[in-house]
Amino acid sequence: MNDETSGSEALVFKFSGEILVDGRQIELLLKKGLTNSQPPYRTAPASIPSPAKASSLERRMTFGVRETAGLLGVSQKTVYRLVQRGLIRASRALRHIKIPKAEIERFLKASAD
């Protein structure tokens, strides 16, 4: 950083992949002023099971990627990455990835230690 920017707030973007933003949108954002407390765009969180569904979840033996993401409080992409890295073992015998309930519990216990 040079002396001119050391006293002002910096605008930092960290991402992987591609992003397409219209020049007018950038101008509007810069005119409004960005603050850390209110990001202009947010990703939708994975759905978290409601208490009514909790009893049915206890009886289930396996969960899909979306359901696992909701249970862990992470995105579906994170669940795919955990499976790919071998941190969560999943069944690929069917067309869809199925993650056993015991495997989710094992992962949570192992990551808490």
N, C-alpha and C. Protein backbone atom coordinates (compact mmCIF):
# COMPACT_ATOMS: atom_id res chain seq x y z
N MET A 1 0.84 -1.19 0.00
CA MET A 1 0.00 0.00 0.00
C MET A 1 0.88 1.24 0.00
N ASN A 2 0.44 2.24 -0.73
CA ASN A 2 1.19 3.48 -0.70
C ASN A 2 0.54 4.43 0.30
N ASP A 3 1.15 5.61 0.49
CA ASP A 3 0.66 6.57 1.49
C ASP A 3 -0.72 7.12 1.16
N GLU A 4 -1.07 7.17 -0.12
CA GLU A 4 -2.36 7.75 -0.52
C GLU A 4 -3.54 6.89 -0.09
N THR A 5 -3.39 5.57 -0.09
CA THR A 5 -4.50 4.68 0.22
C THR A 5 -4.45 4.11 1.63
N SER A 6 -3.41 4.38 2.38
CA SER A 6 -3.28 3.74 3.69
C SER A 6 -4.34 4.22 4.68
N GLY A 7 -4.88 5.44 4.54
CA GLY A 7 -5.88 5.95 5.47
C GLY A 7 -7.30 5.67 5.04
N SER A 8 -7.53 5.22 3.81
CA SER A 8 -8.89 5.00 3.32
C SER A 8 -9.24 3.52 3.35
N GLU A 9 -10.55 3.23 3.25
CA GLU A 9 -10.99 1.85 3.22
C GLU A 9 -10.69 1.25 1.84
N ALA A 10 -10.26 0.02 1.84
CA ALA A 10 -9.96 -0.66 0.58
C ALA A 10 -11.14 -1.52 0.18
N LEU A 11 -11.35 -1.63 -1.10
CA LEU A 11 -12.39 -2.49 -1.65
C LEU A 11 -11.69 -3.74 -2.15
N VAL A 12 -11.95 -4.88 -1.50
CA VAL A 12 -11.25 -6.12 -1.82
C VAL A 12 -12.25 -7.15 -2.31
N PHE A 13 -11.94 -7.78 -3.42
CA PHE A 13 -12.76 -8.85 -3.96
C PHE A 13 -11.93 -10.13 -3.95
N LYS A 14 -12.47 -11.18 -3.34
CA LYS A 14 -11.81 -12.48 -3.36
C LYS A 14 -12.82 -13.48 -3.88
N PHE A 15 -12.51 -14.11 -4.99
CA PHE A 15 -13.40 -15.12 -5.55
C PHE A 15 -12.62 -16.00 -6.49
N SER A 16 -13.21 -17.14 -6.80
CA SER A 16 -12.63 -18.01 -7.81
C SER A 16 -13.71 -18.23 -8.86
N GLY A 17 -13.32 -18.29 -10.07
CA GLY A 17 -14.29 -18.45 -11.15
C GLY A 17 -14.44 -17.16 -11.93
N GLU A 18 -15.58 -16.99 -12.52
CA GLU A 18 -15.83 -15.82 -13.34
C GLU A 18 -16.97 -15.00 -12.76
N ILE A 19 -16.91 -13.71 -13.00
CA ILE A 19 -17.99 -12.82 -12.58
C ILE A 19 -18.20 -11.80 -13.69
N LEU A 20 -19.45 -11.56 -14.00
CA LEU A 20 -19.79 -10.60 -15.04
C LEU A 20 -20.64 -9.51 -14.41
N VAL A 21 -20.11 -8.29 -14.40
CA VAL A 21 -20.81 -7.17 -13.78
C VAL A 21 -20.86 -6.03 -14.80
N ASP A 22 -22.04 -5.48 -14.98
CA ASP A 22 -22.23 -4.35 -15.88
C ASP A 22 -21.56 -3.11 -15.27
N GLY A 23 -20.95 -2.30 -16.09
CA GLY A 23 -20.27 -1.09 -15.63
C GLY A 23 -21.19 -0.16 -14.86
N ARG A 24 -22.46 -0.09 -15.26
CA ARG A 24 -23.41 0.78 -14.55
C ARG A 24 -23.67 0.29 -13.14
N GLN A 25 -23.69 -1.05 -12.95
CA GLN A 25 -23.87 -1.60 -11.62
C GLN A 25 -22.71 -1.23 -10.70
N ILE A 26 -21.50 -1.29 -11.24
CA ILE A 26 -20.33 -0.91 -10.44
C ILE A 26 -20.41 0.56 -10.05
N GLU A 27 -20.79 1.41 -10.98
CA GLU A 27 -20.92 2.84 -10.67
C GLU A 27 -21.94 3.08 -9.57
N LEU A 28 -23.09 2.39 -9.65
CA LEU A 28 -24.12 2.54 -8.62
C LEU A 28 -23.61 2.08 -7.26
N LEU A 29 -22.92 0.96 -7.24
CA LEU A 29 -22.38 0.45 -5.98
C LEU A 29 -21.36 1.40 -5.38
N LEU A 30 -20.52 1.95 -6.22
CA LEU A 30 -19.51 2.87 -5.72
C LEU A 30 -20.13 4.18 -5.25
N LYS A 31 -21.20 4.63 -5.91
CA LYS A 31 -21.88 5.84 -5.47
C LYS A 31 -22.56 5.64 -4.12
N LYS A 32 -23.17 4.46 -3.93
CA LYS A 32 -23.83 4.16 -2.67
C LYS A 32 -22.83 4.00 -1.54
N GLY A 33 -21.66 3.51 -1.87
CA GLY A 33 -20.65 3.25 -0.85
C GLY A 33 -20.87 1.88 -0.25
N LEU A 34 -19.87 1.06 -0.32
CA LEU A 34 -19.98 -0.29 0.21
C LEU A 34 -19.53 -0.31 1.67
N THR A 35 -20.27 -1.04 2.49
CA THR A 35 -19.87 -1.22 3.88
C THR A 35 -19.73 -2.70 4.16
N ASN A 36 -18.95 -3.04 5.14
CA ASN A 36 -18.75 -4.45 5.48
C ASN A 36 -20.00 -5.06 6.09
N SER A 37 -20.85 -4.24 6.70
CA SER A 37 -22.02 -4.79 7.38
C SER A 37 -23.14 -5.18 6.43
N GLN A 38 -23.16 -4.62 5.23
CA GLN A 38 -24.22 -4.94 4.28
C GLN A 38 -23.65 -5.24 2.91
N PRO A 39 -23.25 -6.50 2.68
CA PRO A 39 -22.76 -6.84 1.35
C PRO A 39 -23.89 -6.73 0.33
N PRO A 40 -23.59 -6.26 -0.89
CA PRO A 40 -24.63 -6.05 -1.87
C PRO A 40 -25.26 -7.34 -2.38
N TYR A 41 -24.51 -8.43 -2.41
CA TYR A 41 -25.03 -9.69 -2.91
C TYR A 41 -24.72 -10.78 -1.91
N ARG A 42 -25.66 -11.68 -1.73
CA ARG A 42 -25.45 -12.81 -0.83
C ARG A 42 -25.89 -14.08 -1.53
N THR A 43 -25.25 -15.17 -1.18
CA THR A 43 -25.68 -16.44 -1.73
C THR A 43 -26.77 -17.01 -0.82
N ALA A 44 -27.66 -17.72 -1.42
CA ALA A 44 -28.76 -18.30 -0.64
C ALA A 44 -28.22 -19.43 0.23
N PRO A 45 -28.58 -19.44 1.51
CA PRO A 45 -28.10 -20.52 2.37
C PRO A 45 -28.80 -21.83 2.03
N ALA A 46 -28.15 -22.91 2.34
CA ALA A 46 -28.78 -24.22 2.14
C ALA A 46 -29.98 -24.33 3.08
N SER A 47 -30.99 -25.03 2.63
CA SER A 47 -32.20 -25.14 3.45
C SER A 47 -31.91 -25.95 4.70
N ILE A 48 -32.38 -25.44 5.83
CA ILE A 48 -32.21 -26.11 7.10
C ILE A 48 -33.53 -26.78 7.45
N PRO A 49 -33.47 -28.04 7.81
CA PRO A 49 -34.72 -28.74 8.09
C PRO A 49 -35.49 -28.10 9.24
N SER A 50 -36.81 -28.03 9.09
CA SER A 50 -37.65 -27.46 10.14
C SER A 50 -37.81 -28.47 11.27
N PRO A 51 -38.19 -27.99 12.47
CA PRO A 51 -38.38 -28.92 13.59
C PRO A 51 -39.41 -30.01 13.30
N ALA A 52 -40.41 -29.70 12.48
CA ALA A 52 -41.42 -30.70 12.14
C ALA A 52 -40.81 -31.86 11.36
N LYS A 53 -39.81 -31.56 10.54
CA LYS A 53 -39.16 -32.60 9.76
C LYS A 53 -38.08 -33.32 10.55
N ALA A 54 -37.72 -32.81 11.71
CA ALA A 54 -36.64 -33.39 12.49
C ALA A 54 -36.90 -34.84 12.85
N SER A 55 -38.14 -35.17 13.22
CA SER A 55 -38.44 -36.55 13.61
C SER A 55 -38.30 -37.50 12.42
N SER A 56 -38.69 -37.04 11.23
CA SER A 56 -38.54 -37.90 10.05
C SER A 56 -37.07 -38.03 9.66
N LEU A 57 -36.26 -37.00 9.93
CA LEU A 57 -34.83 -37.07 9.63
C LEU A 57 -34.12 -38.08 10.51
N GLU A 58 -34.59 -38.25 11.75
CA GLU A 58 -33.96 -39.19 12.66
C GLU A 58 -34.12 -40.63 12.17
N ARG A 59 -35.19 -40.93 11.45
CA ARG A 59 -35.44 -42.29 10.97
C ARG A 59 -34.71 -42.59 9.66
N ARG A 60 -34.28 -41.57 8.95
CA ARG A 60 -33.63 -41.75 7.65
C ARG A 60 -32.25 -42.36 7.81
N MET A 61 -31.86 -43.18 6.86
CA MET A 61 -30.54 -43.80 6.89
C MET A 61 -29.53 -43.03 6.04
N THR A 62 -30.02 -42.40 4.95
CA THR A 62 -29.13 -41.65 4.06
C THR A 62 -29.74 -40.30 3.73
N PHE A 63 -28.87 -39.39 3.29
CA PHE A 63 -29.29 -38.05 2.91
C PHE A 63 -28.64 -37.67 1.59
N GLY A 64 -29.32 -36.82 0.83
CA GLY A 64 -28.76 -36.31 -0.41
C GLY A 64 -27.80 -35.16 -0.12
N VAL A 65 -27.18 -34.65 -1.15
CA VAL A 65 -26.20 -33.57 -0.99
C VAL A 65 -26.87 -32.32 -0.43
N ARG A 66 -28.04 -31.96 -0.94
CA ARG A 66 -28.74 -30.76 -0.47
C ARG A 66 -29.11 -30.89 1.01
N GLU A 67 -29.62 -32.06 1.38
CA GLU A 67 -30.00 -32.29 2.78
C GLU A 67 -28.79 -32.28 3.70
N THR A 68 -27.70 -32.89 3.24
CA THR A 68 -26.47 -32.90 4.03
C THR A 68 -25.94 -31.49 4.22
N ALA A 69 -26.00 -30.70 3.16
CA ALA A 69 -25.56 -29.31 3.26
C ALA A 69 -26.40 -28.56 4.29
N GLY A 70 -27.70 -28.79 4.28
CA GLY A 70 -28.59 -28.14 5.25
C GLY A 70 -28.28 -28.56 6.67
N LEU A 71 -28.01 -29.84 6.87
CA LEU A 71 -27.69 -30.34 8.21
C LEU A 71 -26.37 -29.79 8.72
N LEU A 72 -25.38 -29.68 7.83
CA LEU A 72 -24.06 -29.19 8.23
C LEU A 72 -23.97 -27.67 8.22
N GLY A 73 -24.93 -27.01 7.59
CA GLY A 73 -24.90 -25.56 7.51
C GLY A 73 -23.87 -25.03 6.53
N VAL A 74 -23.64 -25.79 5.46
CA VAL A 74 -22.69 -25.39 4.42
C VAL A 74 -23.39 -25.45 3.06
N SER A 75 -22.68 -25.03 2.03
CA SER A 75 -23.27 -25.06 0.69
C SER A 75 -23.16 -26.47 0.11
N GLN A 76 -23.93 -26.71 -0.94
CA GLN A 76 -23.88 -28.00 -1.62
C GLN A 76 -22.50 -28.22 -2.23
N LYS A 77 -21.91 -27.17 -2.73
CA LYS A 77 -20.59 -27.27 -3.33
C LYS A 77 -19.56 -27.75 -2.31
N THR A 78 -19.70 -27.27 -1.06
CA THR A 78 -18.80 -27.71 0.00
C THR A 78 -18.97 -29.20 0.27
N VAL A 79 -20.19 -29.69 0.25
CA VAL A 79 -20.43 -31.12 0.47
C VAL A 79 -19.79 -31.92 -0.66
N TYR A 80 -19.95 -31.47 -1.91
CA TYR A 80 -19.31 -32.16 -3.03
C TYR A 80 -17.79 -32.20 -2.84
N ARG A 81 -17.21 -31.10 -2.38
CA ARG A 81 -15.76 -31.04 -2.15
C ARG A 81 -15.34 -31.98 -1.03
N LEU A 82 -16.12 -32.04 0.04
CA LEU A 82 -15.81 -32.95 1.15
C LEU A 82 -15.83 -34.41 0.68
N VAL A 83 -16.79 -34.75 -0.17
CA VAL A 83 -16.88 -36.10 -0.72
C VAL A 83 -15.69 -36.36 -1.63
N GLN A 84 -15.36 -35.39 -2.48
CA GLN A 84 -14.26 -35.55 -3.43
C GLN A 84 -12.92 -35.74 -2.70
N ARG A 85 -12.74 -35.03 -1.59
CA ARG A 85 -11.50 -35.12 -0.82
C ARG A 85 -11.45 -36.34 0.09
N GLY A 86 -12.55 -37.07 0.17
CA GLY A 86 -12.58 -38.26 1.00
C GLY A 86 -12.85 -37.98 2.47
N LEU A 87 -13.23 -36.77 2.80
CA LEU A 87 -13.53 -36.44 4.20
C LEU A 87 -14.90 -36.95 4.61
N ILE A 88 -15.78 -37.10 3.64
CA ILE A 88 -17.09 -37.72 3.86
C ILE A 88 -17.23 -38.83 2.82
N ARG A 89 -17.51 -40.05 3.29
CA ARG A 89 -17.69 -41.17 2.36
C ARG A 89 -19.15 -41.22 1.93
N ALA A 90 -19.35 -41.35 0.64
CA ALA A 90 -20.70 -41.35 0.09
C ALA A 90 -20.90 -42.55 -0.81
N SER A 91 -22.15 -42.94 -0.98
CA SER A 91 -22.50 -44.03 -1.87
C SER A 91 -22.83 -43.47 -3.25
N ARG A 92 -22.20 -44.04 -4.25
CA ARG A 92 -22.50 -43.64 -5.62
C ARG A 92 -23.15 -44.80 -6.38
N ALA A 93 -23.72 -45.75 -5.66
CA ALA A 93 -24.34 -46.91 -6.28
C ALA A 93 -25.58 -46.52 -7.08
N LEU A 94 -26.24 -45.49 -6.65
CA LEU A 94 -27.42 -45.00 -7.36
C LEU A 94 -27.02 -43.84 -8.25
N ARG A 95 -27.96 -43.25 -8.92
CA ARG A 95 -27.66 -42.11 -9.79
C ARG A 95 -27.28 -40.87 -8.99
N HIS A 96 -27.76 -40.79 -7.75
CA HIS A 96 -27.51 -39.63 -6.92
C HIS A 96 -26.57 -40.01 -5.78
N ILE A 97 -25.80 -39.05 -5.35
CA ILE A 97 -24.90 -39.28 -4.22
C ILE A 97 -25.75 -39.37 -2.95
N LYS A 98 -25.55 -40.43 -2.20
CA LYS A 98 -26.23 -40.61 -0.92
C LYS A 98 -25.19 -40.72 0.18
N ILE A 99 -25.42 -39.97 1.26
CA ILE A 99 -24.48 -39.94 2.37
C ILE A 99 -25.16 -40.56 3.59
N PRO A 100 -24.58 -41.63 4.14
CA PRO A 100 -25.19 -42.27 5.30
C PRO A 100 -25.20 -41.35 6.53
N LYS A 101 -26.23 -41.49 7.32
CA LYS A 101 -26.37 -40.69 8.54
C LYS A 101 -25.17 -40.90 9.46
N ALA A 102 -24.72 -42.14 9.58
CA ALA A 102 -23.56 -42.45 10.43
C ALA A 102 -22.31 -41.73 9.94
N GLU A 103 -22.19 -41.56 8.62
CA GLU A 103 -21.01 -40.87 8.07
C GLU A 103 -21.04 -39.38 8.40
N ILE A 104 -22.21 -38.78 8.37
CA ILE A 104 -22.34 -37.37 8.75
C ILE A 104 -21.97 -37.19 10.22
N GLU A 105 -22.47 -38.10 11.05
CA GLU A 105 -22.15 -38.03 12.48
C GLU A 105 -20.67 -38.23 12.73
N ARG A 106 -20.04 -39.18 12.00
CA ARG A 106 -18.60 -39.43 12.12
C ARG A 106 -17.80 -38.19 11.73
N PHE A 107 -18.19 -37.57 10.63
CA PHE A 107 -17.50 -36.37 10.17
C PHE A 107 -17.59 -35.24 11.20
N LEU A 108 -18.78 -35.04 11.76
CA LEU A 108 -18.94 -33.99 12.76
C LEU A 108 -18.09 -34.26 14.00
N LYS A 109 -18.08 -35.51 14.43
CA LYS A 109 -17.29 -35.87 15.61
C LYS A 109 -15.80 -35.69 15.33
N ALA A 110 -15.34 -36.13 14.16
CA ALA A 110 -13.93 -36.03 13.81
C ALA A 110 -13.49 -34.57 13.65
N SER A 111 -14.37 -33.75 13.11
CA SER A 111 -14.00 -32.34 12.88
C SER A 111 -14.07 -31.53 14.17
N ALA A 112 -14.79 -32.03 15.18
CA ALA A 112 -14.89 -31.32 16.45
C ALA A 112 -13.67 -31.55 17.33
N ASP A 113 -12.96 -32.64 17.08
CA ASP A 113 -11.79 -32.98 17.92
C ASP A 113 -10.61 -32.12 17.61
